[in-house]
Amino acid sequence: MGERSVDLALATAHAADPDADLCIKEYRAEEDGGRWDALLALVERLQDRGVPIDGIGSQNHEHGPDDRAGPETFRAHVQELASIGLSARTSETDVVLDDGEPQDVQARQPVGRLAGCLEEPAATTFGTWGFTERYGSTAGVGEYPLPTGDALPWDEDMAPEKAFAALLARLRR
């Protein structure tokens, strides 16, 4: 449908509710590089055309070491969005480990993102992709009962993982 379909969707949403925050939510644009650059260029074209847009949401699914953006990259992106008048939202945070990767990555990655959300005024939202491995995005599919995943703050028995403790500690600062 082309780029103008984004214009139409945002303008229609704005007409239906002028007070709604309008965001584009994208996947795998957290890292520096082509996807981020393309998303930012799209937003700037939308703004040039007067299309209503308030922010960018990132689906923060991390599926391995090559799929991890550090907290400094996140902060730089939030600041870049703020400089053009937009907010940043993080949702669906989950961290899948590769074989041999240290367990603390599952706590360090979300806490780095949460810290940026707490410390950067333009970062307005932080969320995880569910709360328990029993029903998380990394749970297996195509069989019953579903095999559990290993990427969220609580395990399949609803017991807190290291990520939960680390997120809670950061929130309590």
C-alpha atoms as a PDB file:
ATOM      1  CA  MET A   1       0.000   0.000   0.000  1.00  0.00           C
ATOM      2  CA  GLY A   2       3.002   2.259   0.252  1.00  0.00           C
ATOM      3  CA  GLU A   3       4.186   4.842   2.685  1.00  0.00           C
ATOM      4  CA  ARG A   4       1.105   7.029   2.288  1.00  0.00           C
ATOM      5  CA  SER A   5      -0.910   4.298   4.039  1.00  0.00           C
ATOM      6  CA  VAL A   6       0.956   5.286   7.220  1.00  0.00           C
ATOM      7  CA  ASP A   7      -0.147   8.898   6.685  1.00  0.00           C
ATOM      8  CA  LEU A   8      -3.742   7.749   6.269  1.00  0.00           C
ATOM      9  CA  ALA A   9      -3.676   5.483   9.328  1.00  0.00           C
ATOM     10  CA  LEU A  10      -2.227   8.152  11.615  1.00  0.00           C
ATOM     11  CA  ALA A  11      -4.479  10.925  10.278  1.00  0.00           C
ATOM     12  CA  THR A  12      -7.560   8.708  10.645  1.00  0.00           C
ATOM     13  CA  ALA A  13      -6.606   7.760  14.209  1.00  0.00           C
ATOM     14  CA  HIS A  14      -6.035  11.425  15.044  1.00  0.00           C
ATOM     15  CA  ALA A  15      -9.415  12.385  13.604  1.00  0.00           C
ATOM     16  CA  ALA A  16     -11.103   9.686  15.684  1.00  0.00           C
ATOM     17  CA  ASP A  17      -9.346  10.773  18.893  1.00  0.00           C
ATOM     18  CA  PRO A  18      -7.363  14.014  18.723  1.00  0.00           C
ATOM     19  CA  ASP A  19      -6.019  13.428  22.260  1.00  0.00           C
ATOM     20  CA  ALA A  20      -4.591   9.947  21.583  1.00  0.00           C
ATOM     21  CA  ASP A  21      -0.811   9.476  21.520  1.00  0.00           C
ATOM     22  CA  LEU A  22       0.023   8.152  18.082  1.00  0.00           C
ATOM     23  CA  CYS A  23       3.064   5.945  17.754  1.00  0.00           C
ATOM     24  CA  ILE A  24       4.684   3.707  15.219  1.00  0.00           C
ATOM     25  CA  LYS A  25       5.824   0.474  16.795  1.00  0.00           C
ATOM     26  CA  GLU A  26       8.728  -1.281  15.103  1.00  0.00           C
ATOM     27  CA  TYR A  27      10.713  -4.445  15.605  1.00  0.00           C
ATOM     28  CA  ARG A  28      14.513  -4.708  15.427  1.00  0.00           C
ATOM     29  CA  ALA A  29      15.057  -0.979  15.120  1.00  0.00           C
ATOM     30  CA  GLU A  30      16.731  -0.741  18.538  1.00  0.00           C
ATOM     31  CA  GLU A  31      20.223  -1.151  17.138  1.00  0.00           C
ATOM     32  CA  ASP A  32      22.141   1.409  15.114  1.00  0.00           C
ATOM     33  CA  GLY A  33      22.089   0.757  11.407  1.00  0.00           C
ATOM     34  CA  GLY A  34      19.786   0.483   8.447  1.00  0.00           C
ATOM     35  CA  ARG A  35      16.501  -0.286  10.194  1.00  0.00           C
ATOM     36  CA  TRP A  36      16.925   2.568  12.689  1.00  0.00           C
ATOM     37  CA  ASP A  37      18.007   4.977   9.955  1.00  0.00           C
ATOM     38  CA  ALA A  38      15.031   4.009   7.767  1.00  0.00           C
ATOM     39  CA  LEU A  39      12.575   4.402  10.649  1.00  0.00           C
ATOM     40  CA  LEU A  40      13.957   7.806  11.579  1.00  0.00           C
ATOM     41  CA  ALA A  41      13.847   8.931   7.936  1.00  0.00           C
ATOM     42  CA  LEU A  42      10.217   7.773   7.687  1.00  0.00           C
ATOM     43  CA  VAL A  43       9.282   9.736  10.798  1.00  0.00           C
ATOM     44  CA  GLU A  44      10.978  12.856   9.480  1.00  0.00           C
ATOM     45  CA  ARG A  45       9.086  12.541   6.165  1.00  0.00           C
ATOM     46  CA  LEU A  46       5.819  12.108   8.086  1.00  0.00           C
ATOM     47  CA  GLN A  47       6.562  15.225  10.111  1.00  0.00           C
ATOM     48  CA  ASP A  48       7.455  17.151   6.939  1.00  0.00           C
ATOM     49  CA  ARG A  49       4.037  16.227   5.517  1.00  0.00           C
ATOM     50  CA  GLY A  50       2.273  17.307   8.725  1.00  0.00           C
ATOM     51  CA  VAL A  51       1.192  13.780   9.659  1.00  0.00           C
ATOM     52  CA  PRO A  52       0.352  13.528  13.375  1.00  0.00           C
ATOM     53  CA  ILE A  53       2.841  11.326  15.241  1.00  0.00           C
ATOM     54  CA  ASP A  54       3.849  11.426  18.885  1.00  0.00           C
ATOM     55  CA  GLY A  55       6.340   8.637  19.354  1.00  0.00           C
ATOM     56  CA  ILE A  56       8.138   5.473  18.398  1.00  0.00           C
ATOM     57  CA  GLY A  57       7.657   2.155  20.131  1.00  0.00           C
ATOM     58  CA  SER A  58      10.224  -0.599  20.001  1.00  0.00           C
ATOM     59  CA  GLN A  59       9.465  -4.277  20.374  1.00  0.00           C
ATOM     60  CA  ASN A  60      12.502  -5.277  22.350  1.00  0.00           C
ATOM     61  CA  HIS A  61      12.793  -9.001  21.573  1.00  0.00           C
ATOM     62  CA  GLU A  62      16.428 -10.036  21.895  1.00  0.00           C
ATOM     63  CA  HIS A  63      17.132 -13.435  20.367  1.00  0.00           C
ATOM     64  CA  GLY A  64      20.889 -13.658  20.724  1.00  0.00           C
ATOM     65  CA  PRO A  65      24.132 -11.703  21.076  1.00  0.00           C
ATOM     66  CA  ASP A  66      23.825 -10.156  17.599  1.00  0.00           C
ATOM     67  CA  ASP A  67      20.376  -8.854  18.510  1.00  0.00           C
ATOM     68  CA  ARG A  68      21.303  -6.815  21.581  1.00  0.00           C
ATOM     69  CA  ALA A  69      21.448  -3.034  21.664  1.00  0.00           C
ATOM     70  CA  GLY A  70      23.287  -1.610  24.625  1.00  0.00           C
ATOM     71  CA  PRO A  71      21.802   0.992  26.953  1.00  0.00           C
ATOM     72  CA  GLU A  72      23.966   3.734  25.444  1.00  0.00           C
ATOM     73  CA  THR A  73      22.448   3.064  21.999  1.00  0.00           C
ATOM     74  CA  PHE A  74      18.957   3.146  23.466  1.00  0.00           C
ATOM     75  CA  ARG A  75      19.655   6.467  25.198  1.00  0.00           C
ATOM     76  CA  ALA A  76      21.090   7.977  22.016  1.00  0.00           C
ATOM     77  CA  HIS A  77      17.959   6.937  20.111  1.00  0.00           C
ATOM     78  CA  VAL A  78      15.671   8.356  22.803  1.00  0.00           C
ATOM     79  CA  GLN A  79      17.577  11.622  22.719  1.00  0.00           C
ATOM     80  CA  GLU A  80      17.417  11.699  18.921  1.00  0.00           C
ATOM     81  CA  LEU A  81      13.652  11.182  19.033  1.00  0.00           C
ATOM     82  CA  ALA A  82      13.300  13.869  21.711  1.00  0.00           C
ATOM     83  CA  SER A  83      15.207  16.307  19.494  1.00  0.00           C
ATOM     84  CA  ILE A  84      12.446  15.995  16.877  1.00  0.00           C
ATOM     85  CA  GLY A  85       9.635  16.147  19.434  1.00  0.00           C
ATOM     86  CA  LEU A  86       8.838  12.454  19.834  1.00  0.00           C
ATOM     87  CA  SER A  87       8.609  10.073  22.761  1.00  0.00           C
ATOM     88  CA  ALA A  88      10.134   6.583  22.955  1.00  0.00           C
ATOM     89  CA  ARG A  89       8.340   3.524  24.259  1.00  0.00           C
ATOM     90  CA  THR A  90       9.729   0.088  24.956  1.00  0.00           C
ATOM     91  CA  SER A  91       7.487  -2.951  25.030  1.00  0.00           C
ATOM     92  CA  GLU A  92       7.771  -6.682  24.711  1.00  0.00           C
ATOM     93  CA  THR A  93      11.179  -6.888  26.381  1.00  0.00           C
ATOM     94  CA  ASP A  94      12.470 -10.447  26.490  1.00  0.00           C
ATOM     95  CA  VAL A  95      16.007 -11.797  26.302  1.00  0.00           C
ATOM     96  CA  VAL A  96      16.767 -15.247  24.882  1.00  0.00           C
ATOM     97  CA  LEU A  97      20.217 -16.595  25.678  1.00  0.00           C
ATOM     98  CA  ASP A  98      22.404 -18.446  23.215  1.00  0.00           C
ATOM     99  CA  ASP A  99      24.173 -21.582  24.401  1.00  0.00           C
ATOM    100  CA  GLY A 100      27.078 -20.614  26.619  1.00  0.00           C
ATOM    101  CA  GLU A 101      25.929 -17.040  27.157  1.00  0.00           C
ATOM    102  CA  PRO A 102      26.087 -15.956  30.816  1.00  0.00           C
ATOM    103  CA  GLN A 103      22.773 -15.885  32.714  1.00  0.00           C
ATOM    104  CA  ASP A 104      23.344 -12.322  33.893  1.00  0.00           C
ATOM    105  CA  VAL A 105      22.661 -11.074  30.343  1.00  0.00           C
ATOM    106  CA  GLN A 106      18.959 -11.743  30.985  1.00  0.00           C
ATOM    107  CA  ALA A 107      19.072  -9.322  33.897  1.00  0.00           C
ATOM    108  CA  ARG A 108      21.578  -6.801  32.540  1.00  0.00           C
ATOM    109  CA  GLN A 109      19.839  -6.133  29.211  1.00  0.00           C
ATOM    110  CA  PRO A 110      16.345  -5.282  30.525  1.00  0.00           C
ATOM    111  CA  VAL A 111      17.781  -3.279  33.423  1.00  0.00           C
ATOM    112  CA  GLY A 112      19.842  -1.186  31.000  1.00  0.00           C
ATOM    113  CA  ARG A 113      16.696  -0.434  29.013  1.00  0.00           C
ATOM    114  CA  LEU A 114      14.673   0.287  32.156  1.00  0.00           C
ATOM    115  CA  ALA A 115      17.370   2.667  33.427  1.00  0.00           C
ATOM    116  CA  GLY A 116      17.195   4.599  30.165  1.00  0.00           C
ATOM    117  CA  CYS A 117      13.417   4.784  30.439  1.00  0.00           C
ATOM    118  CA  LEU A 118      13.646   6.101  33.988  1.00  0.00           C
ATOM    119  CA  GLU A 119      16.383   8.627  33.264  1.00  0.00           C
ATOM    120  CA  GLU A 120      15.433   9.970  29.839  1.00  0.00           C
ATOM    121  CA  PRO A 121      12.362  12.264  29.936  1.00  0.00           C
ATOM    122  CA  ALA A 122      11.266  11.318  26.410  1.00  0.00           C
ATOM    123  CA  ALA A 123      11.176   7.596  27.310  1.00  0.00           C
ATOM    124  CA  THR A 124       7.637   7.076  28.518  1.00  0.00           C
ATOM    125  CA  THR A 125       7.035   3.331  28.687  1.00  0.00           C
ATOM    126  CA  PHE A 126       8.816   0.107  29.622  1.00  0.00           C
ATOM    127  CA  GLY A 127       7.249  -3.333  29.485  1.00  0.00           C
ATOM    128  CA  THR A 128       8.110  -7.000  29.190  1.00  0.00           C
ATOM    129  CA  TRP A 129       6.669  -9.577  26.803  1.00  0.00           C
ATOM    130  CA  GLY A 130       4.516 -11.082  29.494  1.00  0.00           C
ATOM    131  CA  PHE A 131       5.804 -11.953  32.908  1.00  0.00           C
ATOM    132  CA  THR A 132       6.253 -15.703  33.065  1.00  0.00           C
ATOM    133  CA  GLU A 133       8.085 -18.281  30.995  1.00  0.00           C
ATOM    134  CA  ARG A 134       4.964 -20.425  31.078  1.00  0.00           C
ATOM    135  CA  TYR A 135       3.254 -18.169  28.544  1.00  0.00           C
ATOM    136  CA  GLY A 136       6.083 -16.058  27.121  1.00  0.00           C
ATOM    137  CA  SER A 137       7.000 -15.452  23.520  1.00  0.00           C
ATOM    138  CA  THR A 138       9.809 -17.984  23.690  1.00  0.00           C
ATOM    139  CA  ALA A 139       7.502 -20.780  24.762  1.00  0.00           C
ATOM    140  CA  GLY A 140       7.423 -23.459  22.090  1.00  0.00           C
ATOM    141  CA  VAL A 141       4.490 -23.767  19.715  1.00  0.00           C
ATOM    142  CA  GLY A 142       2.828 -26.603  17.853  1.00  0.00           C
ATOM    143  CA  GLU A 143       2.598 -29.002  20.769  1.00  0.00           C
ATOM    144  CA  TYR A 144       0.595 -29.315  23.939  1.00  0.00           C
ATOM    145  CA  PRO A 145       1.327 -28.675  26.661  1.00  0.00           C
ATOM    146  CA  LEU A 146       3.548 -25.855  25.440  1.00  0.00           C
ATOM    147  CA  PRO A 147       7.207 -26.228  26.351  1.00  0.00           C
ATOM    148  CA  THR A 148       8.348 -23.288  28.407  1.00  0.00           C
ATOM    149  CA  GLY A 149      10.683 -20.553  27.258  1.00  0.00           C
ATOM    150  CA  ASP A 150      13.553 -18.867  29.068  1.00  0.00           C
ATOM    151  CA  ALA A 151      13.476 -15.111  28.508  1.00  0.00           C
ATOM    152  CA  LEU A 152      11.202 -13.416  31.065  1.00  0.00           C
ATOM    153  CA  PRO A 153      11.353 -12.204  34.697  1.00  0.00           C
ATOM    154  CA  TRP A 154       9.486 -15.197  36.188  1.00  0.00           C
ATOM    155  CA  ASP A 155      10.013 -18.867  35.403  1.00  0.00           C
ATOM    156  CA  GLU A 156       7.374 -21.401  34.376  1.00  0.00           C
ATOM    157  CA  ASP A 157       6.491 -22.036  38.047  1.00  0.00           C
ATOM    158  CA  MET A 158       5.939 -18.291  38.639  1.00  0.00           C
ATOM    159  CA  ALA A 159       9.148 -18.003  40.653  1.00  0.00           C
ATOM    160  CA  PRO A 160      11.188 -14.815  40.169  1.00  0.00           C
ATOM    161  CA  GLU A 161      14.290 -15.045  37.989  1.00  0.00           C
ATOM    162  CA  LYS A 162      17.449 -12.903  38.248  1.00  0.00           C
ATOM    163  CA  ALA A 163      15.899 -10.410  35.823  1.00  0.00           C
ATOM    164  CA  PHE A 164      13.015  -9.753  38.213  1.00  0.00           C
ATOM    165  CA  ALA A 165      15.367  -9.058  41.119  1.00  0.00           C
ATOM    166  CA  ALA A 166      17.506  -6.770  38.965  1.00  0.00           C
ATOM    167  CA  LEU A 167      14.517  -4.834  37.601  1.00  0.00           C
ATOM    168  CA  LEU A 168      13.072  -4.451  41.092  1.00  0.00           C
ATOM    169  CA  ALA A 169      16.396  -3.242  42.469  1.00  0.00           C
ATOM    170  CA  ARG A 170      16.621  -0.629  39.699  1.00  0.00           C
ATOM    171  CA  LEU A 171      13.078   0.561  40.360  1.00  0.00           C
ATOM    172  CA  ARG A 172      13.829   0.944  44.071  1.00  0.00           C
ATOM    173  CA  ARG A 173      16.817   3.276  43.526  1.00  0.00           C
END
